Amino acid sequence: MKRWFLLIGLIAGFMAAASAQQVEVSATVPDESIAVGKPFSLDLMMKVPYGNYVEWNGFVTDTLSAQIDILKRGDLVRTADADSNIIVQQQLTLMTFDTGYVQIPSLQLSLTPQSSLLTNPIDLYVTTIAVDTTQAYKPLMPPIEQPVSMKEVFPWILGLLLLVLIGLVVWYIVKHRKPKVDENGEPIVKGPMVPPYDKAIGDLEDLKQQKLWQVGKVKEYYSNLTDIAREYIEGQFGVNAVEMTTDTILEEVAELRFDDQLYRKLKDTMELADLVKFAKYSASSLESDNAMSDMTDFVNGSYAHYQAMKAKEEEEARQNA
């Protein structure tokens, strides 16, 4: 007899253990009849044996189905029961704008490494808002005027004060800005733009009067001489000579098709200046004097060439008109 009781006890214990090891999922709603456009809750639950990992559906989209929208996702709650089962729960706040019968589809909840489990589908009946047609129509309410609060006005006042402050800062900077001065401390007054040819001739004459190479400032003399040439070529012919090396400048000038003797004067002067500036070449008095003459001839000759070409183009344009 005792054996029978022992056997029955073992079977009952085995069945209880097996029951405790089962995985359960469920989806429930408070009421299967809901109003259109009114939020309602869906409670999800999954119970698994202790030691298993639940891969919960994150519900990352804004819809549960084509008819049901997800308004809010509640926090994921994990608890344990007396049988050491892990219970995972979450509440979703849903809404639908369809009427009639609507179904919450089966939802997939995964338990790894086991396969996914599906909740039971739920059929809902969505009712419309009841309208009492026996009552008379009420007139529309006019807009309710609300007084303007300080909270609404404050950002505008702050923005206006900020604009005034920026204007005062700009005015102060312009008012107290110091004018640019030259080496003698005299204000630099900008006059009308001088044509490249006139500026080059004037700069060459000024350089000649400074007599730099005569007082031993040979390198400074050749630097100023080539700078005058670079600025003239760039301003008169549109070649970016200020940023170019001597070789590149000569290649660009060659494309302008000046007289060979004129081109040779520019080439000899530029290359001599590079020797003085970078190779510490000691130029003779004759070479320095000729460099000024050759550069002056180049400026005059190239400008004459420019004038002739311009006159030719104007004449051709008149003939073709």
Protein backbone atom coordinates (compact mmCIF):
# COMPACT_ATOMS: atom_id res chain seq x y z
CA MET A 1 0.00 0.00 0.00
CA LYS A 2 2.85 2.32 0.87
CA ARG A 3 4.32 1.64 -2.54
CA TRP A 4 1.16 2.87 -4.19
CA PHE A 5 1.21 6.09 -2.15
CA LEU A 6 4.88 6.60 -3.02
CA LEU A 7 4.21 6.03 -6.71
CA ILE A 8 1.29 8.45 -6.69
CA GLY A 9 3.46 11.05 -4.93
CA LEU A 10 6.23 10.68 -7.51
CA ILE A 11 3.77 11.03 -10.38
CA ALA A 12 2.22 14.14 -8.80
CA GLY A 13 5.63 15.69 -8.24
CA PHE A 14 6.66 14.95 -11.81
CA MET A 15 3.46 16.51 -13.15
CA ALA A 16 3.96 19.60 -10.97
CA ALA A 17 7.53 19.97 -12.18
CA ALA A 18 6.46 19.55 -15.76
CA SER A 19 3.77 22.15 -15.26
CA ALA A 20 6.30 24.53 -13.77
CA GLN A 21 8.54 24.07 -16.81
CA GLN A 22 5.88 25.12 -19.33
CA VAL A 23 6.16 28.43 -21.21
CA GLU A 24 3.04 30.56 -21.26
CA VAL A 25 2.17 33.68 -23.27
CA SER A 26 -1.00 35.75 -23.15
CA ALA A 27 -2.54 38.97 -24.40
CA THR A 28 -5.57 40.47 -22.68
CA VAL A 29 -7.70 43.62 -22.88
CA PRO A 30 -9.98 45.02 -20.14
CA ASP A 31 -13.01 45.06 -22.43
CA GLU A 32 -13.60 43.65 -25.91
CA SER A 33 -15.97 46.56 -26.69
CA ILE A 34 -14.19 49.86 -27.14
CA ALA A 35 -15.06 53.35 -28.43
CA VAL A 36 -13.62 54.67 -31.67
CA GLY A 37 -10.70 57.06 -31.15
CA LYS A 38 -10.47 56.21 -27.45
CA PRO A 39 -7.22 54.74 -26.02
CA PHE A 40 -7.35 51.26 -24.53
CA SER A 41 -4.76 48.95 -23.01
CA LEU A 42 -3.34 45.60 -24.07
CA ASP A 43 -1.56 43.56 -21.38
CA LEU A 44 1.11 41.15 -22.59
CA MET A 45 2.59 38.41 -20.41
CA MET A 46 5.16 35.66 -20.87
CA LYS A 47 6.06 33.11 -18.19
CA VAL A 48 9.20 31.01 -18.64
CA PRO A 49 11.17 28.65 -16.40
CA TYR A 50 14.04 30.17 -14.44
CA GLY A 51 17.31 30.34 -16.37
CA ASN A 52 15.80 31.05 -19.78
CA TYR A 53 16.37 34.28 -21.70
CA VAL A 54 13.36 36.12 -23.08
CA GLU A 55 13.83 37.98 -26.34
CA TRP A 56 11.00 40.47 -25.97
CA ASN A 57 9.30 42.10 -28.94
CA GLY A 58 10.28 45.78 -28.82
CA PHE A 59 7.24 46.98 -30.81
CA VAL A 60 9.38 49.64 -32.48
CA THR A 61 6.78 50.60 -35.09
CA ASP A 62 3.88 52.97 -34.48
CA THR A 63 1.26 50.44 -35.52
CA LEU A 64 0.23 47.04 -34.28
CA SER A 65 -1.71 46.36 -37.48
CA ALA A 66 -3.22 48.30 -40.35
CA GLN A 67 -6.18 49.17 -38.08
CA ILE A 68 -4.55 49.65 -34.67
CA ASP A 69 -2.01 52.34 -33.66
CA ILE A 70 0.42 52.14 -30.75
CA LEU A 71 0.22 55.28 -28.60
CA LYS A 72 2.45 54.28 -25.69
CA ARG A 73 4.75 51.44 -24.67
CA GLY A 74 4.80 50.75 -20.96
CA ASP A 75 7.88 49.68 -19.03
CA LEU A 76 8.96 46.06 -19.21
CA VAL A 77 8.36 44.42 -15.80
CA ARG A 78 10.11 41.19 -14.75
CA THR A 79 8.96 39.27 -11.68
CA ALA A 80 9.09 35.66 -10.38
CA ASP A 81 6.38 33.39 -9.01
CA ALA A 82 6.50 30.78 -6.24
CA ASP A 83 7.72 28.14 -8.70
CA SER A 84 10.74 30.31 -9.69
CA ASN A 85 9.22 31.03 -13.10
CA ILE A 86 10.21 34.33 -14.67
CA ILE A 87 7.20 36.48 -15.59
CA VAL A 88 7.71 39.28 -18.13
CA GLN A 89 4.90 41.81 -18.57
CA GLN A 90 4.28 44.94 -20.61
CA GLN A 91 1.26 47.13 -21.23
CA LEU A 92 0.66 48.80 -24.60
CA THR A 93 -1.73 51.72 -25.02
CA LEU A 94 -3.56 51.36 -28.34
CA MET A 95 -6.16 53.23 -30.39
CA THR A 96 -8.19 52.57 -33.52
CA PHE A 97 -10.26 54.83 -35.74
CA ASP A 98 -12.07 52.00 -37.54
CA THR A 99 -15.54 50.95 -36.47
CA GLY A 100 -17.11 47.55 -36.31
CA TYR A 101 -15.11 44.40 -35.70
CA VAL A 102 -11.34 44.84 -35.41
CA GLN A 103 -8.84 42.16 -34.51
CA ILE A 104 -5.64 42.42 -32.49
CA PRO A 105 -3.40 39.97 -34.35
CA SER A 106 -1.30 37.26 -32.77
CA LEU A 107 1.92 38.78 -31.49
CA GLN A 108 5.24 36.97 -31.63
CA LEU A 109 7.24 36.69 -28.41
CA SER A 110 10.55 34.84 -28.70
CA LEU A 111 12.21 32.61 -26.15
CA THR A 112 15.74 31.75 -27.15
CA PRO A 113 17.06 29.21 -27.93
CA GLN A 114 13.50 27.87 -28.30
CA SER A 115 11.22 28.88 -31.13
CA SER A 116 8.87 31.87 -31.00
CA LEU A 117 5.46 31.73 -29.38
CA LEU A 118 2.34 33.56 -30.50
CA THR A 119 -0.27 35.23 -28.33
CA ASN A 120 -3.90 34.58 -28.90
CA PRO A 121 -5.67 36.96 -31.36
CA ILE A 122 -8.37 39.16 -29.81
CA ASP A 123 -11.53 40.29 -31.58
CA LEU A 124 -12.75 43.75 -30.60
CA TYR A 125 -15.94 45.57 -31.38
CA VAL A 126 -15.44 49.29 -31.96
CA THR A 127 -18.46 51.47 -31.32
CA THR A 128 -19.10 54.94 -32.67
CA ILE A 129 -19.87 57.98 -30.57
CA ALA A 130 -23.56 58.19 -29.83
CA VAL A 131 -25.24 61.32 -31.19
CA ASP A 132 -28.60 62.45 -29.82
CA THR A 133 -30.42 63.59 -32.96
CA THR A 134 -33.48 64.67 -30.98
CA GLN A 135 -31.64 67.67 -29.57
CA ALA A 136 -31.55 70.98 -31.44
CA TYR A 137 -28.28 72.08 -33.01
CA LYS A 138 -26.29 74.43 -30.83
CA PRO A 139 -24.59 77.48 -32.34
CA LEU A 140 -20.84 77.47 -32.74
CA MET A 141 -18.95 79.09 -29.92
CA PRO A 142 -17.00 82.20 -30.90
CA PRO A 143 -13.21 82.21 -30.30
CA ILE A 144 -12.35 82.79 -26.67
CA GLU A 145 -10.01 85.72 -26.26
CA GLN A 146 -7.21 85.14 -23.82
CA PRO A 147 -5.05 87.92 -22.37
CA VAL A 148 -1.45 87.94 -23.54
CA SER A 149 0.78 86.56 -20.82
CA MET A 150 4.28 87.67 -19.92
CA LYS A 151 5.51 84.20 -20.87
CA GLU A 152 4.41 84.82 -24.48
CA VAL A 153 5.80 88.37 -24.67
CA PHE A 154 9.14 87.73 -22.96
CA PRO A 155 10.88 86.00 -25.95
CA TRP A 156 9.97 88.94 -28.20
CA ILE A 157 11.27 91.47 -25.67
CA LEU A 158 14.47 89.46 -25.28
CA GLY A 159 14.95 89.28 -29.06
CA LEU A 160 14.40 93.03 -29.43
CA LEU A 161 16.92 93.81 -26.67
CA LEU A 162 19.42 91.46 -28.32
CA LEU A 163 19.05 93.25 -31.67
CA VAL A 164 19.52 96.62 -29.98
CA LEU A 165 22.62 95.34 -28.21
CA ILE A 166 24.10 93.99 -31.47
CA GLY A 167 23.39 97.35 -33.17
CA LEU A 168 25.14 99.24 -30.37
CA VAL A 169 28.18 96.96 -30.56
CA VAL A 170 28.43 97.41 -34.34
CA TRP A 171 28.05 101.20 -33.99
CA TYR A 172 30.74 101.34 -31.30
CA ILE A 173 33.20 99.31 -33.38
CA VAL A 174 32.65 101.45 -36.48
CA LYS A 175 32.79 104.68 -34.48
CA HIS A 176 36.03 103.86 -32.66
CA ARG A 177 37.79 101.89 -35.39
CA LYS A 178 41.25 103.23 -35.97
CA PRO A 179 42.10 104.11 -39.57
CA LYS A 180 44.97 102.32 -41.27
CA VAL A 181 48.20 104.31 -41.29
CA ASP A 182 51.34 104.18 -43.38
CA GLU A 183 54.93 103.87 -42.21
CA ASN A 184 54.94 107.55 -41.16
CA GLY A 185 51.78 107.20 -39.10
CA GLU A 186 49.64 109.07 -41.62
CA PRO A 187 46.12 107.76 -42.35
CA ILE A 188 45.90 105.79 -45.57
CA VAL A 189 43.22 107.34 -47.76
CA LYS A 190 41.95 105.09 -50.51
CA GLY A 191 41.53 106.92 -53.76
CA PRO A 192 40.31 105.74 -57.13
CA MET A 193 41.87 102.53 -58.42
CA VAL A 194 45.01 103.19 -60.47
CA PRO A 195 45.28 101.26 -63.76
CA PRO A 196 47.92 98.47 -63.62
CA TYR A 197 50.14 100.16 -66.22
CA ASP A 198 50.16 103.54 -64.49
CA LYS A 199 50.80 101.91 -61.12
CA ALA A 200 53.70 99.85 -62.47
CA ILE A 201 55.39 102.86 -64.09
CA GLY A 202 54.93 104.88 -60.89
CA ASP A 203 56.28 102.06 -58.70
CA LEU A 204 59.32 101.59 -60.97
CA GLU A 205 60.10 105.29 -60.75
CA ASP A 206 59.77 105.25 -56.96
CA LEU A 207 62.06 102.21 -56.75
CA LYS A 208 64.59 103.92 -58.97
CA GLN A 209 64.60 107.00 -56.72
CA GLN A 210 65.17 104.89 -53.59
CA LYS A 211 68.61 103.81 -54.93
CA LEU A 212 68.48 100.58 -52.94
CA TRP A 213 71.17 98.65 -54.79
CA GLN A 214 73.47 101.67 -54.66
CA VAL A 215 73.41 101.53 -50.80
CA GLY A 216 73.92 97.75 -50.60
CA LYS A 217 70.27 96.67 -50.38
CA VAL A 218 70.54 94.57 -53.53
CA LYS A 219 68.22 91.74 -52.42
CA GLU A 220 65.49 94.19 -51.37
CA TYR A 221 65.88 96.01 -54.69
CA TYR A 222 65.33 92.86 -56.77
CA SER A 223 62.43 91.69 -54.54
CA ASN A 224 60.62 94.99 -55.08
CA LEU A 225 61.40 94.92 -58.81
CA THR A 226 59.91 91.45 -59.32
CA ASP A 227 56.91 92.28 -57.10
CA ILE A 228 56.13 95.24 -59.37
CA ALA A 229 56.34 92.94 -62.40
CA ARG A 230 54.10 90.28 -60.82
CA GLU A 231 51.41 92.79 -59.81
CA TYR A 232 51.47 94.42 -63.25
CA ILE A 233 51.16 91.11 -65.14
CA GLU A 234 48.31 89.98 -62.90
CA GLY A 235 46.40 93.25 -63.06
CA GLN A 236 46.89 93.92 -66.77
CA PHE A 237 46.64 90.42 -68.27
CA GLY A 238 44.71 88.39 -65.66
CA VAL A 239 47.57 85.98 -64.93
CA ASN A 240 47.75 84.96 -61.24
CA ALA A 241 51.42 85.95 -61.21
CA VAL A 242 51.59 86.98 -57.53
CA GLU A 243 51.16 83.34 -56.45
CA MET A 244 53.28 81.78 -59.22
CA THR A 245 56.93 80.82 -59.50
CA THR A 246 59.15 82.54 -62.05
CA ASP A 247 59.04 79.57 -64.45
CA THR A 248 55.24 79.42 -64.34
CA ILE A 249 54.95 83.17 -64.92
CA LEU A 250 57.22 82.95 -67.97
CA GLU A 251 55.16 80.06 -69.36
CA GLU A 252 51.95 82.07 -69.00
CA VAL A 253 53.48 85.24 -70.47
CA ALA A 254 54.81 83.25 -73.44
CA GLU A 255 51.18 82.45 -74.32
CA LEU A 256 50.51 86.20 -74.70
CA ARG A 257 52.84 86.22 -77.75
CA PHE A 258 54.85 89.37 -77.06
CA ASP A 259 57.84 90.35 -79.14
CA ASP A 260 60.77 87.96 -78.53
CA GLN A 261 63.08 90.77 -77.44
CA LEU A 262 60.44 92.04 -75.02
CA TYR A 263 59.92 88.56 -73.58
CA ARG A 264 63.69 88.10 -73.23
CA LYS A 265 63.98 91.28 -71.15
CA LEU A 266 61.37 90.02 -68.68
CA LYS A 267 62.94 86.55 -68.56
CA ASP A 268 66.49 87.81 -67.95
CA THR A 269 65.38 90.21 -65.22
CA MET A 270 63.22 87.64 -63.38
CA GLU A 271 65.91 84.95 -63.50
CA LEU A 272 68.62 87.39 -62.35
CA ALA A 273 66.39 88.40 -59.43
CA ASP A 274 65.98 84.74 -58.41
CA LEU A 275 69.75 84.29 -58.42
CA VAL A 276 70.19 87.31 -56.17
CA LYS A 277 67.35 86.36 -53.79
CA PHE A 278 67.90 82.62 -53.51
CA ALA A 279 71.44 81.82 -54.69
CA LYS A 280 73.17 84.79 -53.06
CA TYR A 281 74.41 85.96 -56.43
CA SER A 282 76.23 89.30 -56.33
CA ALA A 283 74.84 91.34 -59.19
CA SER A 284 77.06 94.05 -60.67
CA SER A 285 76.08 97.69 -60.87
CA LEU A 286 75.60 97.34 -64.63
CA GLU A 287 73.28 94.32 -64.21
CA SER A 288 71.21 96.12 -61.58
CA ASP A 289 70.91 99.24 -63.71
CA ASN A 290 69.99 97.18 -66.80
CA ALA A 291 67.38 95.26 -64.77
CA MET A 292 65.50 98.50 -64.12
CA SER A 293 65.72 99.54 -67.77
CA ASP A 294 64.63 96.10 -69.05
CA MET A 295 61.65 95.94 -66.68
CA THR A 296 60.56 99.44 -67.67
CA ASP A 297 60.85 98.49 -71.37
CA PHE A 298 58.80 95.34 -70.74
CA VAL A 299 56.00 97.26 -69.04
CA ASN A 300 55.89 99.90 -71.79
CA GLY A 301 56.19 97.39 -74.62
CA SER A 302 53.65 94.91 -73.25
CA TYR A 303 51.14 97.70 -72.62
CA ALA A 304 51.61 98.97 -76.17
CA HIS A 305 51.00 95.42 -77.41
CA TYR A 306 47.86 95.24 -75.26
CA GLN A 307 46.59 98.55 -76.66
CA ALA A 308 47.22 97.43 -80.23
CA MET A 309 45.42 94.12 -79.75
CA LYS A 310 42.49 95.89 -78.09
CA ALA A 311 42.21 98.37 -80.95
CA LYS A 312 42.32 95.51 -83.48
CA GLU A 313 39.53 93.65 -81.70
CA GLU A 314 37.37 96.79 -81.56
CA GLU A 315 37.92 97.39 -85.27
CA GLU A 316 36.97 93.80 -86.12
CA ALA A 317 33.87 94.13 -83.96
CA ARG A 318 32.82 97.28 -85.83
CA GLN A 319 33.33 95.61 -89.18
CA ASN A 320 31.28 92.56 -88.12
CA ALA A 321 28.47 94.67 -86.69
